[in-house]
């Protein structure tokens, strides 16, 4: 399994803002629209994040792989939470929210920024504090047909 550093030329690094999640005081990550990526990409190349509301993506936070549902509000796409497995991410409400824990541990609040690394577009992303370096296991998820079967079995 190839290990890829966040500063690898194949990894696009995008500075993203933290916002408030609905009526709560918890921070969430605001994902820029694809047409607003110009000027936000700090390294690598990225024309599209390949993210749509309703997706559950794999994200690496502090060297731990989690699963995060992509949602949206009137201003665009958000990642409000990250959980230990896909089932918890789809049910969003059970289990520990690893994203909020990480943001709290790093004293990040709405208005601050973090870096979103695009490791495998549409499949694997990473969150890190600006100026820090991260390592990723650049693995691909199961083919969509296997994901569909697993999703059917969970239902």
Protein backbone atom coordinates (compact mmCIF):
# COMPACT_ATOMS: atom_id res chain seq x y z
CA UNK A 1 0.00 0.00 0.00
CA UNK A 2 1.68 3.25 -1.13
CA UNK A 3 2.28 5.93 1.46
CA UNK A 4 1.88 9.45 0.14
CA UNK A 5 2.94 12.64 1.99
CA UNK A 6 0.67 15.68 1.96
CA UNK A 7 3.36 17.64 0.10
CA UNK A 8 3.54 15.09 -2.75
CA UNK A 9 2.94 16.67 -6.16
CA UNK A 10 0.00 14.29 -6.73
CA UNK A 11 -1.86 15.58 -3.66
CA UNK A 12 -3.84 18.79 -4.08
CA UNK A 13 -3.94 20.85 -0.88
CA UNK A 14 -6.84 23.29 -0.50
CA UNK A 15 -7.30 25.78 2.33
CA UNK A 16 -10.89 25.53 3.56
CA UNK A 17 -12.83 27.52 6.14
CA UNK A 18 -14.60 26.34 9.25
CA UNK A 19 -18.20 27.40 9.73
CA UNK A 20 -20.96 26.79 12.25
CA UNK A 21 -23.04 23.67 11.80
CA UNK A 22 -26.68 24.74 11.72
CA UNK A 23 -27.92 26.10 15.04
CA UNK A 24 -25.19 24.38 17.05
CA UNK A 25 -21.91 25.90 18.09
CA UNK A 26 -19.97 22.98 16.63
CA UNK A 27 -17.60 23.82 13.78
CA UNK A 28 -17.84 22.11 10.41
CA UNK A 29 -15.74 22.26 7.25
CA UNK A 30 -17.07 24.34 4.37
CA UNK A 31 -16.10 22.72 1.05
CA UNK A 32 -15.63 25.26 -1.77
CA UNK A 33 -17.62 24.88 -4.98
CA UNK A 34 -15.56 23.42 -7.79
CA UNK A 35 -15.70 26.70 -9.73
CA UNK A 36 -14.31 28.52 -6.66
CA UNK A 37 -11.20 26.34 -6.35
CA UNK A 38 -8.98 28.81 -8.22
CA UNK A 39 -6.90 30.66 -5.67
CA UNK A 40 -7.59 28.11 -2.90
CA UNK A 41 -5.35 25.30 -4.16
CA UNK A 42 -2.07 25.71 -2.31
CA UNK A 43 -0.22 22.84 -4.00
CA UNK A 44 -0.88 20.13 -6.56
CA UNK A 45 -3.59 20.47 -9.17
CA UNK A 46 -7.31 20.15 -8.65
CA UNK A 47 -10.07 21.06 -11.07
CA UNK A 48 -12.84 19.23 -9.20
CA UNK A 49 -13.22 17.72 -5.74
CA UNK A 50 -15.65 15.08 -7.04
CA UNK A 51 -17.89 15.58 -4.00
CA UNK A 52 -21.66 15.81 -3.94
CA UNK A 53 -24.13 16.05 -1.08
CA UNK A 54 -25.08 12.56 0.06
CA UNK A 55 -21.64 11.06 -0.57
CA UNK A 56 -19.86 9.28 2.26
CA UNK A 57 -16.13 9.79 1.79
CA UNK A 58 -13.05 8.42 3.50
CA UNK A 59 -11.08 11.10 5.35
CA UNK A 60 -7.84 10.83 7.27
CA UNK A 61 -7.69 12.87 10.46
CA UNK A 62 -4.59 12.59 12.66
CA UNK A 63 -3.42 9.41 10.85
CA UNK A 64 -6.81 7.70 11.43
CA UNK A 65 -9.13 6.88 8.55
CA UNK A 66 -12.75 7.86 9.15
CA UNK A 67 -15.91 8.12 7.08
CA UNK A 68 -17.62 11.46 6.59
CA UNK A 69 -21.00 12.30 5.07
CA UNK A 70 -21.01 15.26 2.68
CA UNK A 71 -24.02 17.51 3.28
CA UNK A 72 -25.06 20.91 2.01
CA UNK A 73 -26.82 24.02 3.14
CA UNK A 74 -27.90 27.17 1.30
CA UNK A 75 -24.24 28.26 0.97
CA UNK A 76 -22.78 25.00 -0.37
CA UNK A 77 -21.20 21.69 0.64
CA UNK A 78 -20.17 20.85 4.21
CA UNK A 79 -18.51 18.11 6.20
CA UNK A 80 -20.04 18.26 9.67
CA UNK A 81 -18.82 14.97 11.08
CA UNK A 82 -16.54 11.96 10.67
CA UNK A 83 -17.09 8.53 12.17
CA UNK A 84 -15.19 5.28 12.61
CA UNK A 85 -17.09 3.38 9.89
CA UNK A 86 -19.44 3.86 6.93
CA UNK A 87 -22.53 2.68 8.79
CA UNK A 88 -22.08 5.28 11.54
CA UNK A 89 -21.45 7.96 8.91
CA UNK A 90 -24.67 7.09 7.08
CA UNK A 91 -26.67 7.08 10.32
CA UNK A 92 -24.91 10.29 11.47
CA UNK A 93 -25.78 10.65 15.09
CA UNK A 94 -24.36 7.54 16.70
CA UNK A 95 -20.74 7.21 17.72
CA UNK A 96 -17.99 9.72 18.37
CA UNK A 97 -17.66 12.60 15.93
CA UNK A 98 -13.92 12.41 15.14
CA UNK A 99 -13.94 15.66 13.16
CA UNK A 100 -15.32 17.74 16.04
CA UNK A 101 -12.95 15.99 18.51
CA UNK A 102 -9.97 16.84 16.28
CA UNK A 103 -11.05 20.46 15.78
CA UNK A 104 -11.55 20.86 19.57
CA UNK A 105 -8.15 19.28 20.33
CA UNK A 106 -6.51 21.76 17.93
CA UNK A 107 -8.44 24.81 19.21
CA UNK A 108 -10.09 25.37 15.82
CA UNK A 109 -13.27 27.44 15.69
CA UNK A 110 -15.58 28.80 13.02
CA UNK A 111 -13.67 31.38 10.99
CA UNK A 112 -10.38 29.44 11.26
CA UNK A 113 -9.05 27.37 8.39
CA UNK A 114 -7.73 23.85 7.88
CA UNK A 115 -6.22 22.16 4.84
CA UNK A 116 -8.16 19.63 2.79
CA UNK A 117 -5.81 17.25 0.96
CA UNK A 118 -7.21 15.49 -2.11
CA UNK A 119 -5.37 12.14 -2.04
CA UNK A 120 -7.63 10.06 -4.33
CA UNK A 121 -10.35 12.30 -5.86
CA UNK A 122 -13.83 11.07 -5.03
CA UNK A 123 -12.49 8.51 -2.54
CA UNK A 124 -9.81 9.62 -0.06
CA UNK A 125 -9.24 13.02 1.49
CA UNK A 126 -7.31 14.29 4.49
CA UNK A 127 -7.72 17.14 6.96
CA UNK A 128 -4.71 18.78 8.60
CA UNK A 129 -3.70 21.98 10.35
CA UNK A 130 -2.03 24.51 7.99
CA UNK A 131 1.75 24.14 8.09
CA UNK A 132 1.67 20.54 9.31
CA UNK A 133 2.61 17.56 7.16
CA UNK A 134 0.61 14.34 6.98
CA UNK A 135 1.13 10.85 5.52
CA UNK A 136 -1.66 8.97 3.78
CA UNK A 137 -2.18 5.33 2.79
CA UNK A 138 -3.29 5.91 -0.80
CA UNK A 139 -5.69 2.99 -1.09
CA UNK A 140 -8.78 2.85 -3.21
CA UNK A 141 -12.12 1.78 -1.80
CA UNK A 142 -14.00 -1.24 -3.11
CA UNK A 143 -15.43 -1.06 -6.64
CA UNK A 144 -18.85 0.57 -6.73
CA UNK A 145 -20.55 -2.77 -7.36
CA UNK A 146 -19.17 -4.14 -4.09
CA UNK A 147 -20.13 -0.94 -2.27
CA UNK A 148 -23.67 -1.26 -3.63
CA UNK A 149 -23.92 -4.86 -2.37
CA UNK A 150 -22.66 -3.85 1.08
CA UNK A 151 -25.10 -0.94 1.20
CA UNK A 152 -27.98 -3.29 0.29
CA UNK A 153 -26.98 -5.70 3.05
CA UNK A 154 -26.88 -2.86 5.61
CA UNK A 155 -30.44 -1.80 4.70
